[in-house]
Protein backbone atom coordinates (compact mmCIF):
# COMPACT_ATOMS: atom_id res chain seq x y z
CA MET A 1 -147.80 -201.81 102.79
CA THR A 2 -147.35 -198.36 104.35
CA ALA A 3 -145.64 -198.41 107.72
CA VAL A 4 -147.76 -197.16 110.61
CA HIS A 5 -146.18 -194.31 112.51
CA VAL A 6 -146.14 -194.88 116.26
CA PRO A 7 -146.86 -191.61 118.11
CA GLY A 8 -143.74 -190.25 119.74
CA THR A 9 -141.34 -191.96 117.36
CA PRO A 10 -139.30 -189.35 115.46
CA ILE A 11 -139.41 -189.54 111.68
CA ILE A 12 -137.52 -187.73 108.93
CA GLU A 13 -139.52 -186.13 106.12
CA ASP A 14 -137.97 -184.02 103.35
CA GLY A 15 -134.78 -183.50 105.33
CA ARG A 16 -136.57 -182.49 108.48
CA LEU A 17 -136.87 -184.24 111.84
CA VAL A 18 -140.53 -184.45 112.82
CA SER A 19 -141.31 -184.73 116.52
CA THR A 20 -144.70 -185.90 117.73
CA SER A 21 -146.46 -186.29 121.05
CA PRO A 22 -146.25 -189.85 122.45
CA ALA A 23 -149.74 -189.40 123.89
CA THR A 24 -151.67 -187.93 120.97
CA GLY A 25 -149.43 -188.08 117.92
CA ALA A 26 -149.79 -184.32 117.44
CA GLU A 27 -146.81 -182.71 115.77
CA ALA A 28 -144.62 -180.82 118.23
CA GLY A 29 -141.84 -179.62 115.98
CA ARG A 30 -140.16 -179.93 112.61
CA LEU A 31 -136.42 -179.17 112.54
CA PRO A 32 -133.81 -179.45 109.77
CA VAL A 33 -131.63 -182.54 109.97
CA ALA A 34 -127.94 -181.67 110.08
CA THR A 35 -125.36 -183.38 107.89
CA ALA A 36 -121.83 -183.97 109.10
CA GLU A 37 -120.82 -180.90 107.12
CA ASP A 38 -123.55 -178.86 108.80
CA VAL A 39 -122.26 -179.95 112.19
CA GLY A 40 -118.73 -178.96 111.25
CA ARG A 41 -119.88 -175.53 110.11
CA ALA A 42 -121.87 -175.04 113.32
CA VAL A 43 -118.78 -175.81 115.38
CA ASP A 44 -116.68 -173.41 113.28
CA ARG A 45 -119.21 -170.62 113.83
CA ALA A 46 -119.32 -171.45 117.53
CA ARG A 47 -115.54 -171.24 117.78
CA ALA A 48 -115.51 -167.69 116.45
CA ALA A 49 -118.46 -166.78 118.66
CA GLY A 50 -116.74 -168.36 121.64
CA GLU A 51 -113.77 -166.04 121.32
CA TRP A 52 -116.14 -163.07 121.55
CA TRP A 53 -118.02 -164.68 124.45
CA ALA A 54 -114.83 -165.42 126.41
CA GLY A 55 -113.70 -161.86 125.77
CA LEU A 56 -116.76 -160.52 127.60
CA GLY A 57 -115.21 -161.66 130.86
CA PHE A 58 -117.06 -163.02 133.87
CA GLY A 59 -119.05 -159.83 134.34
CA GLY A 60 -120.32 -159.63 130.78
CA ARG A 61 -121.29 -163.30 130.71
CA ARG A 62 -122.98 -163.08 134.09
CA GLU A 63 -125.15 -160.16 132.97
CA ARG A 64 -126.29 -162.02 129.84
CA LEU A 65 -126.87 -165.36 131.56
CA LEU A 66 -128.98 -163.65 134.21
CA ARG A 67 -131.04 -162.07 131.44
CA TRP A 68 -131.61 -165.55 130.02
CA ARG A 69 -132.54 -166.82 133.48
CA SER A 70 -135.14 -164.04 133.77
CA LEU A 71 -136.57 -164.89 130.35
CA LEU A 72 -136.86 -168.57 131.28
CA ALA A 73 -138.62 -167.65 134.51
CA ARG A 74 -141.07 -165.32 132.77
CA ARG A 75 -141.94 -167.89 130.11
CA ILE A 76 -142.04 -170.94 132.34
CA GLU A 77 -145.59 -171.88 131.31
CA GLU A 78 -144.67 -171.74 127.64
CA ILE A 79 -141.72 -174.10 127.85
CA ALA A 80 -143.52 -176.40 130.32
CA GLU A 81 -146.38 -176.78 127.84
CA LEU A 82 -143.92 -177.61 125.05
CA VAL A 83 -142.19 -180.21 127.23
CA HIS A 84 -145.62 -181.70 127.94
CA THR A 85 -146.62 -181.77 124.29
CA GLU A 86 -143.38 -183.16 122.92
CA GLY A 87 -142.38 -185.61 125.65
CA GLY A 88 -145.72 -186.34 127.34
CA LYS A 89 -144.54 -185.24 130.78
CA PRO A 90 -147.31 -183.80 132.99
CA VAL A 91 -147.22 -180.02 132.98
CA ALA A 92 -146.67 -179.87 136.76
CA ASP A 93 -143.57 -182.08 136.44
CA ALA A 94 -142.37 -179.93 133.54
CA VAL A 95 -142.74 -176.82 135.68
CA VAL A 96 -140.61 -178.41 138.43
CA GLU A 97 -137.99 -179.30 135.81
CA VAL A 98 -137.82 -175.76 134.47
CA VAL A 99 -137.69 -174.24 137.97
CA THR A 100 -134.67 -176.40 138.77
CA ALA A 101 -132.99 -175.42 135.50
CA VAL A 102 -133.53 -171.72 136.24
CA GLU A 103 -131.86 -172.16 139.62
CA HIS A 104 -128.80 -173.72 137.97
CA VAL A 105 -128.48 -170.91 135.41
CA ASP A 106 -128.61 -168.40 138.25
CA TRP A 107 -125.98 -170.17 140.36
CA ALA A 108 -123.57 -170.75 137.50
CA ALA A 109 -123.78 -167.11 136.39
CA ARG A 110 -123.28 -165.74 139.89
CA ASN A 111 -120.43 -168.01 140.96
CA ALA A 112 -118.26 -168.45 137.88
CA ARG A 113 -115.86 -165.60 138.75
CA ARG A 114 -115.38 -166.79 142.34
CA VAL A 115 -114.71 -170.38 141.32
CA LEU A 116 -112.77 -169.91 138.10
CA GLY A 117 -111.17 -166.47 138.39
CA PRO A 118 -107.39 -165.97 138.80
CA ARG A 119 -106.15 -166.40 142.33
CA ARG A 120 -102.86 -166.60 144.14
CA VAL A 121 -101.74 -169.97 145.47
CA ARG A 122 -99.28 -170.25 148.33
CA SER A 123 -95.73 -171.17 147.38
CA ARG A 124 -93.70 -173.84 149.15
CA LEU A 125 -90.48 -173.12 151.03
CA VAL A 126 -88.24 -174.87 148.51
CA LEU A 127 -89.50 -172.53 145.76
CA ALA A 128 -90.18 -169.52 147.96
CA GLU A 129 -88.59 -167.20 145.38
CA PHE A 130 -91.55 -167.84 143.04
CA SER A 131 -95.15 -166.73 143.35
CA ALA A 132 -97.87 -169.13 142.15
CA HIS A 133 -101.14 -168.31 140.44
CA LEU A 134 -104.03 -170.49 139.24
CA GLU A 135 -106.82 -169.71 136.85
CA TYR A 136 -109.34 -171.67 134.79
CA GLN A 137 -109.64 -171.00 131.08
CA PRO A 138 -112.51 -172.09 128.80
CA TYR A 139 -112.04 -175.05 126.48
CA GLY A 140 -113.50 -173.17 123.52
CA VAL A 141 -116.45 -175.12 122.10
CA VAL A 142 -118.34 -177.69 124.16
CA GLY A 143 -120.66 -180.20 122.49
CA VAL A 144 -123.66 -181.16 124.62
CA ILE A 145 -125.64 -184.29 123.73
CA GLY A 146 -128.89 -184.12 125.69
CA PRO A 147 -131.53 -186.68 126.67
CA TRP A 148 -135.28 -186.70 126.14
CA ASN A 149 -136.43 -187.42 129.69
CA TYR A 150 -135.37 -184.03 131.11
CA PRO A 151 -134.91 -181.97 127.93
CA VAL A 152 -134.59 -178.64 129.79
CA PHE A 153 -132.91 -179.44 133.08
CA THR A 154 -130.24 -181.84 131.85
CA PRO A 155 -128.86 -179.89 128.85
CA ILE A 156 -128.89 -176.70 130.92
CA GLY A 157 -126.99 -178.54 133.66
CA SER A 158 -124.09 -178.75 131.20
CA ALA A 159 -124.71 -175.78 128.91
CA ALA A 160 -125.20 -173.10 131.59
CA TYR A 161 -122.02 -174.10 133.38
CA ALA A 162 -120.06 -174.33 130.13
CA LEU A 163 -121.34 -170.90 129.07
CA ALA A 164 -120.56 -169.35 132.46
CA ALA A 165 -117.02 -170.71 132.14
CA GLY A 166 -116.60 -168.87 128.83
CA ASN A 167 -117.28 -171.61 126.27
CA ALA A 168 -119.56 -171.61 123.26
CA VAL A 169 -121.98 -174.56 123.19
CA VAL A 170 -123.37 -176.67 120.36
CA LEU A 171 -126.35 -178.71 121.58
CA LYS A 172 -127.54 -181.92 119.96
CA PRO A 173 -130.95 -182.49 121.59
CA SER A 174 -132.52 -185.91 121.66
CA GLU A 175 -134.43 -186.73 118.49
CA TYR A 176 -137.45 -187.28 120.75
CA THR A 177 -137.41 -183.68 122.05
CA PRO A 178 -135.75 -181.49 119.41
CA ALA A 179 -138.33 -178.70 119.66
CA VAL A 180 -137.52 -178.16 123.34
CA GLY A 181 -133.80 -177.99 122.54
CA GLN A 182 -134.41 -175.49 119.77
CA TRP A 183 -136.56 -173.39 122.10
CA LEU A 184 -133.67 -173.17 124.55
CA VAL A 185 -131.18 -171.92 121.97
CA ASP A 186 -133.73 -169.56 120.43
CA THR A 187 -134.48 -167.91 123.76
CA PHE A 188 -130.77 -167.59 124.50
CA ALA A 189 -130.35 -165.86 121.13
CA GLU A 190 -133.03 -163.36 122.17
CA VAL A 191 -130.83 -162.12 125.01
CA VAL A 192 -127.50 -162.69 123.24
CA PRO A 193 -128.20 -161.77 119.60
CA GLU A 194 -124.66 -160.65 118.76
CA GLN A 195 -123.04 -164.06 118.13
CA PRO A 196 -124.13 -167.74 117.80
CA VAL A 197 -122.77 -168.65 121.21
CA PHE A 198 -125.38 -171.34 121.92
CA THR A 199 -126.71 -173.26 118.91
CA ALA A 200 -128.31 -176.59 118.09
CA VAL A 201 -127.92 -179.33 115.49
CA HIS A 202 -130.68 -181.90 115.00
CA GLY A 203 -130.96 -185.49 113.86
CA LEU A 204 -130.55 -189.07 114.93
CA GLY A 205 -127.54 -190.83 116.44
CA ASP A 206 -125.32 -190.14 113.44
CA VAL A 207 -125.55 -186.40 114.16
CA GLY A 208 -124.37 -186.99 117.71
CA ALA A 209 -121.48 -189.05 116.33
CA ALA A 210 -120.64 -186.22 113.93
CA LEU A 211 -120.59 -183.77 116.83
CA CYS A 212 -118.10 -186.00 118.66
CA ARG A 213 -115.83 -185.96 115.60
CA SER A 214 -116.38 -182.30 114.69
CA GLY A 215 -113.40 -180.81 116.49
CA VAL A 216 -115.26 -179.66 119.61
CA ASP A 217 -112.99 -179.26 122.60
CA LYS A 218 -115.10 -181.32 124.99
CA VAL A 219 -118.29 -183.39 124.86
CA ALA A 220 -120.85 -183.63 127.66
CA PHE A 221 -123.20 -186.56 127.16
CA THR A 222 -126.26 -187.72 129.07
CA GLY A 223 -127.98 -190.97 128.12
CA SER A 224 -127.68 -194.72 128.36
CA SER A 225 -124.49 -196.51 129.37
CA ALA A 226 -124.40 -198.28 125.98
CA THR A 227 -124.50 -195.00 124.07
CA ALA A 228 -122.00 -193.45 126.49
CA ARG A 229 -119.48 -196.10 125.42
CA LYS A 230 -120.05 -195.19 121.76
CA VAL A 231 -119.59 -191.49 122.52
CA MET A 232 -116.39 -192.17 124.41
CA ALA A 233 -115.05 -194.36 121.58
CA ALA A 234 -115.78 -191.66 118.99
CA CYS A 235 -114.15 -188.96 121.11
CA ALA A 236 -111.13 -191.18 121.75
CA GLU A 237 -110.23 -190.95 118.06
CA SER A 238 -109.16 -187.33 118.60
CA LEU A 239 -108.51 -187.49 122.36
CA THR A 240 -111.48 -185.19 122.90
CA PRO A 241 -112.27 -185.17 126.63
CA VAL A 242 -115.72 -186.36 127.65
CA LEU A 243 -118.12 -186.02 130.54
CA LEU A 244 -120.50 -188.97 130.72
CA GLU A 245 -123.70 -189.09 132.76
CA ALA A 246 -125.00 -192.54 131.94
CA GLY A 247 -127.61 -194.96 133.26
CA GLY A 248 -128.59 -195.74 136.81
CA LYS A 249 -130.40 -198.29 138.93
CA ASP A 250 -130.64 -196.31 142.13
CA ALA A 251 -131.58 -197.93 145.41
CA MET A 252 -133.37 -196.69 148.50
CA ILE A 253 -132.58 -198.21 151.88
CA VAL A 254 -135.21 -198.07 154.61
CA ASP A 255 -133.74 -198.70 158.06
CA ALA A 256 -135.61 -199.86 161.15
CA ASP A 257 -135.88 -196.38 162.69
CA ALA A 258 -137.11 -194.65 159.51
CA ASP A 259 -140.17 -192.42 159.38
CA LEU A 260 -142.19 -194.79 157.20
CA ASP A 261 -144.75 -192.23 156.03
CA ALA A 262 -142.00 -189.88 154.87
CA ALA A 263 -140.07 -192.79 153.33
CA ALA A 264 -143.12 -194.02 151.42
CA GLU A 265 -143.95 -190.54 150.15
CA ALA A 266 -140.38 -189.97 148.92
CA CYS A 267 -140.19 -193.45 147.45
CA VAL A 268 -143.34 -193.01 145.37
CA TRP A 269 -142.10 -189.64 144.11
CA GLY A 270 -138.56 -190.86 143.45
CA ALA A 271 -139.72 -193.98 141.63
CA LEU A 272 -142.74 -192.74 139.68
CA THR A 273 -142.18 -189.08 138.83
CA ASN A 274 -141.90 -188.58 135.07
CA ALA A 275 -143.35 -192.09 134.69
CA GLY A 276 -140.15 -193.48 136.18
CA GLN A 277 -138.13 -192.12 133.26
CA THR A 278 -135.44 -190.65 135.49
CA CYS A 279 -131.78 -191.66 135.51
CA ILE A 280 -131.64 -191.01 139.27
CA GLY A 281 -135.08 -192.53 139.87
CA ILE A 282 -135.55 -195.04 142.67
CA GLU A 283 -135.88 -198.42 140.98
CA ARG A 284 -134.96 -200.68 143.92
CA VAL A 285 -135.81 -200.53 147.61
CA TYR A 286 -134.29 -202.59 150.41
CA ALA A 287 -136.36 -202.39 153.58
CA VAL A 288 -135.23 -204.09 156.77
CA GLU A 289 -137.35 -206.92 158.12
CA PRO A 290 -139.07 -205.13 161.05
CA VAL A 291 -140.58 -202.41 158.83
CA PHE A 292 -140.90 -204.19 155.48
CA ASP A 293 -144.61 -205.03 155.53
CA ALA A 294 -145.70 -201.66 156.88
CA PHE A 295 -143.52 -199.81 154.38
CA VAL A 296 -144.83 -201.80 151.42
CA GLY A 297 -148.39 -201.12 152.50
CA LYS A 298 -147.79 -197.38 152.67
CA VAL A 299 -146.10 -197.32 149.25
CA VAL A 300 -148.92 -199.27 147.63
CA GLU A 301 -151.56 -197.03 149.16
CA ARG A 302 -149.88 -193.86 147.86
CA ALA A 303 -148.91 -195.22 144.44
CA GLY A 304 -152.39 -196.65 143.96
CA ARG A 305 -153.90 -193.15 144.18
CA LEU A 306 -151.90 -191.80 141.24
CA THR A 307 -153.69 -191.04 137.99
CA VAL A 308 -152.39 -191.97 134.55
CA GLY A 309 -153.27 -190.23 131.30
CA PRO A 310 -152.48 -187.53 128.75
CA ASP A 311 -153.66 -184.41 130.57
CA ASN A 312 -153.80 -183.29 134.20
CA ALA A 313 -152.64 -186.72 135.37
CA ASP A 314 -149.87 -187.63 137.78
CA ILE A 315 -148.17 -189.95 135.30
CA GLY A 316 -147.95 -189.41 131.57
CA PRO A 317 -147.02 -191.70 128.68
CA ILE A 318 -143.76 -193.50 128.08
CA THR A 319 -141.91 -191.04 125.88
CA MET A 320 -139.87 -193.53 123.86
CA PRO A 321 -142.25 -196.20 122.46
CA SER A 322 -139.56 -198.89 122.33
CA GLN A 323 -139.06 -198.58 126.09
CA VAL A 324 -142.52 -200.03 126.69
CA GLU A 325 -141.24 -203.47 125.69
CA VAL A 326 -138.30 -203.18 128.09
CA ILE A 327 -140.70 -202.39 130.92
CA ARG A 328 -142.97 -205.28 129.92
CA ARG A 329 -140.03 -207.70 129.81
CA HIS A 330 -138.84 -206.67 133.27
CA ILE A 331 -142.28 -207.11 134.82
CA ASP A 332 -142.86 -210.48 133.13
CA ASP A 333 -139.41 -211.75 134.10
CA ALA A 334 -139.89 -210.74 137.73
CA LEU A 335 -143.29 -212.44 137.96
CA SER A 336 -142.15 -215.61 136.19
CA ARG A 337 -139.32 -216.01 138.66
CA GLY A 338 -141.37 -215.80 141.83
CA GLY A 339 -141.84 -212.09 142.31
CA ARG A 340 -145.27 -210.78 143.28
CA ALA A 341 -147.07 -207.69 142.04
CA VAL A 342 -148.69 -205.95 145.01
CA LEU A 343 -149.73 -203.15 142.67
CA GLY A 344 -150.07 -203.24 138.91
CA GLY A 345 -148.34 -206.11 137.16
CA ALA A 346 -148.40 -207.45 133.60
CA ASP A 347 -151.73 -205.77 132.84
CA ALA A 348 -150.28 -202.38 133.83
CA VAL A 349 -148.58 -202.10 130.43
CA GLN A 350 -151.10 -200.37 128.18
CA PRO A 351 -149.10 -198.46 125.52
CA PRO A 352 -148.29 -195.64 125.52
CA TYR A 353 -148.95 -195.82 129.26
CA VAL A 354 -147.73 -198.03 132.07
CA ARG A 355 -149.60 -197.92 135.32
CA PRO A 356 -147.62 -197.88 138.60
CA THR A 357 -146.30 -201.33 139.43
CA VAL A 358 -144.78 -202.43 142.74
CA LEU A 359 -143.04 -205.81 142.83
CA VAL A 360 -141.85 -207.67 145.93
CA ASP A 361 -139.78 -210.80 146.54
CA VAL A 362 -138.03 -210.33 143.20
CA PRO A 363 -134.81 -212.36 142.76
CA GLU A 364 -131.69 -210.23 142.84
CA ASP A 365 -130.44 -211.66 139.54
CA SER A 366 -133.61 -210.74 137.64
CA ALA A 367 -133.75 -208.09 134.93
CA ALA A 368 -136.08 -205.96 137.06
CA VAL A 369 -133.35 -205.66 139.71
CA ARG A 370 -130.19 -205.61 137.61
CA GLU A 371 -131.13 -203.63 134.46
CA GLU A 372 -132.32 -200.04 134.11
CA THR A 373 -136.09 -200.22 133.62
CA PHE A 374 -136.90 -196.54 133.01
CA GLY A 375 -140.57 -196.96 133.75
CA PRO A 376 -143.06 -196.53 136.61
CA THR A 377 -142.08 -199.78 138.30
CA LEU A 378 -140.41 -200.52 141.60
CA THR A 379 -138.97 -203.57 143.33
CA ILE A 380 -139.05 -203.73 147.12
CA ASN A 381 -137.09 -206.53 148.76
CA ARG A 382 -136.75 -207.58 152.37
CA VAL A 383 -133.31 -207.56 154.06
CA ARG A 384 -132.06 -208.54 157.51
CA ASP A 385 -130.35 -205.26 158.29
CA ALA A 386 -128.69 -202.19 156.79
CA ASP A 387 -125.47 -204.08 156.09
CA GLU A 388 -127.28 -206.49 153.79
CA ALA A 389 -129.12 -203.56 152.20
CA VAL A 390 -125.84 -201.79 151.41
CA ALA A 391 -124.33 -204.97 149.99
CA ARG A 392 -127.28 -205.47 147.66
CA ALA A 393 -127.43 -201.81 146.67
CA ASN A 394 -123.72 -201.87 145.76
CA ALA A 395 -123.87 -205.19 143.89
CA LEU A 396 -124.56 -203.62 140.49
CA SER A 397 -122.13 -201.92 138.12
CA TYR A 398 -124.21 -198.72 138.21
CA GLY A 399 -123.44 -196.02 140.77
CA LEU A 400 -125.37 -192.82 140.14
CA GLY A 401 -127.51 -191.82 143.14
CA GLY A 402 -129.39 -193.33 146.03
CA SER A 403 -131.50 -192.66 149.10
CA VAL A 404 -131.46 -193.69 152.75
CA PHE A 405 -134.24 -193.32 155.29
CA GLY A 406 -133.46 -193.66 158.96
CA ARG A 407 -132.32 -191.71 162.00
CA ARG A 408 -129.28 -192.92 163.94
CA HIS A 409 -127.21 -194.44 161.12
CA ALA A 410 -128.68 -192.93 157.94
CA VAL A 411 -125.76 -190.65 157.04
CA ALA A 412 -123.24 -193.41 157.74
CA ILE A 413 -125.22 -195.75 155.48
CA ALA A 414 -125.36 -193.11 152.73
CA ARG A 415 -121.58 -192.78 152.83
CA ARG A 416 -121.23 -196.50 152.19
CA LEU A 417 -123.32 -196.45 149.02
CA ARG A 418 -121.19 -196.83 145.90
CA SER A 419 -122.67 -193.80 144.19
CA GLY A 420 -121.83 -190.28 143.22
CA MET A 421 -124.75 -188.86 145.20
CA ALA A 422 -127.14 -189.79 147.97
CA SER A 423 -130.14 -188.23 149.70
CA VAL A 424 -130.87 -188.84 153.37
CA ASN A 425 -134.55 -188.82 154.33
CA SER A 426 -135.50 -187.55 150.87
CA ALA A 427 -135.16 -188.63 147.25
CA LEU A 428 -133.54 -186.96 144.23
CA THR A 429 -132.90 -183.70 146.11
CA PHE A 430 -129.21 -183.59 145.19
CA ALA A 431 -130.23 -182.88 141.57
CA GLY A 432 -131.80 -179.57 142.46
CA MET A 433 -128.99 -178.50 144.78
CA SER A 434 -127.02 -176.18 142.50
CA THR A 435 -124.13 -176.02 144.99
CA LEU A 436 -123.44 -179.77 144.75
CA PRO A 437 -121.78 -181.76 141.96
CA PHE A 438 -123.90 -184.25 140.00
CA GLY A 439 -122.53 -187.45 138.49
CA GLY A 440 -121.84 -191.12 139.05
CA VAL A 441 -119.29 -193.91 139.11
CA GLY A 442 -118.93 -197.21 137.30
CA ASP A 443 -121.42 -197.77 134.48
CA SER A 444 -123.12 -194.52 135.47
CA GLY A 445 -120.24 -192.57 133.97
CA PHE A 446 -117.72 -190.03 135.20
CA GLY A 447 -117.22 -186.30 135.43
CA ARG A 448 -119.48 -183.84 137.22
CA ILE A 449 -121.95 -181.14 136.32
CA HIS A 450 -123.44 -178.58 138.75
CA GLY A 451 -121.73 -176.77 141.58
CA GLU A 452 -118.09 -175.73 141.69
CA ASP A 453 -116.95 -179.03 140.23
CA GLY A 454 -119.37 -178.49 137.35
CA LEU A 455 -117.85 -175.11 136.52
CA ARG A 456 -114.33 -176.56 136.65
CA GLU A 457 -115.44 -179.46 134.45
CA PHE A 458 -115.79 -177.03 131.56
CA SER A 459 -112.48 -175.25 132.16
CA ARG A 460 -108.80 -176.00 131.80
CA ALA A 461 -106.70 -175.37 134.88
CA LYS A 462 -103.87 -172.98 134.00
CA ALA A 463 -100.92 -172.79 136.41
CA ILE A 464 -98.58 -169.76 136.31
CA THR A 465 -95.42 -169.14 138.31
CA ARG A 466 -93.49 -165.86 138.47
CA ARG A 467 -90.03 -165.26 139.84
CA ARG A 468 -90.02 -162.63 142.55
CA ALA A 469 -86.53 -162.98 144.08
CA ARG A 470 -83.13 -164.57 143.66
CA SER A 471 -82.94 -168.30 144.48
CA LEU A 472 -81.41 -169.04 147.86
CA LEU A 473 -81.10 -172.70 146.92
CA PRO A 474 -80.49 -172.67 143.15
CA SER A 475 -81.26 -176.05 141.67
CA THR A 476 -82.98 -175.70 138.29
CA THR A 477 -79.98 -174.17 136.55
CA PHE A 478 -76.66 -175.35 135.18
CA GLU A 479 -75.08 -172.46 137.06
CA ARG A 480 -75.51 -174.31 140.36
CA THR A 481 -72.35 -175.29 142.22
CA PRO A 482 -71.49 -178.37 144.30
CA ALA A 483 -71.92 -176.15 147.35
CA ASP A 484 -75.45 -175.22 146.18
CA VAL A 485 -76.35 -178.90 145.85
CA ALA A 486 -74.92 -179.64 149.30
CA ARG A 487 -76.97 -176.83 150.84
CA LEU A 488 -80.07 -178.14 149.03
CA VAL A 489 -79.55 -181.64 150.44
CA LYS A 490 -79.02 -180.25 153.93
CA ALA A 491 -82.13 -178.08 153.71
CA ILE A 492 -84.33 -180.99 152.55
CA LYS A 493 -83.07 -183.15 155.43
CA VAL A 494 -83.86 -180.40 157.93
CA ILE A 495 -87.32 -179.70 156.49
CA TYR A 496 -88.55 -183.18 155.66
CA GLY A 497 -86.20 -185.66 157.27
CA ARG A 498 -87.39 -185.32 160.85
């Protein structure tokens, strides 16, 4: 019996990875599958290209990255349509994704010299005869393993910063969105045709594993926590440093003095954009008792207006067909354990689509609360106060982002969230803020992309000292005398002993 191909599931035919639309099954791209040897050759070519790229200096790289930014901006409709076709994301959401990516390319290009360039660092009195300098040097070749849910924004969040820092980049796009990844490297080659500074290798998980073992100087991975552990284990074999942006189960806290209309609007966006397939998506809400019922009503009213379908809808299909069963299991488990569906429910799962589902009174130890769902579902639970909300929000091993709505204590509550990021009176906004670092703690990974920390993430700190005078307190020499040591002891007591 011939196996039936499920739309959206990548297949390999004649050595090529075939990508199809999860909504229609239409072919979106056909890319050559890389062997381990192919990956190794790609990294070797990138290493030579990286030397040329680093040699351009900050000014030369800035000029080329800004040309790429301009190309992306001019062709935004083209790439948004490809994202829609290959991943199923509504075109409007794809446009927002590309706009955010363009902003990050611009910021990284414009700020790399300021953040990473050589600068003098003040000396300390004990070593006053030396000057101190600090600079950040590129690693060489950075491997980027990208996800399918944001196939433009997320790889660029690593690649643009790595490129601005002077590295060459080899991208392994998700097998669910390889055509988008290839489009990115092809457009970069249009503005930088001289050398293969930014290239791609395609395939399934074994290609990602080969990239980890290929001799790259650093790996930046975005994906599930389970796969992040495999990436880290593979990189550990050669002590290759890693940056891991893994899963999330982000919470929103709604305090008693919150603007409920604004909170409901942000909640629906944060939970349901991209069909809930967002690592920083709002999957849990804790609303304090006095506002719980009103807040739930406003969320249900807004979420109930959203349209679902292949074209011109608010919510598109579930990109990865196997995820549909995870979403179904979470909904069924929540309902079987006493939770209530105030919108959607078990019947909302209609592959390849899942209609918006809002669950209340869901036990805290249920799968819908504790595991990453990655679908257009949301749990909203009642709490006594903000303290209980923070305790519940922090109870999981994940720690990526979060949101707080309120007035008097909102910022203080946000600080208490065990997360790498938080938005106050908004949702997800830290992702688009190119000046801020992006990343999590715990099972959500470690390391940071974006902002100044993101530029430094793809650079090695290089410390340089230079003698500028004779030592008044010689210590690091066998020529020192007992009198020198005595003076050193006396000086330290005077400086630090008071």
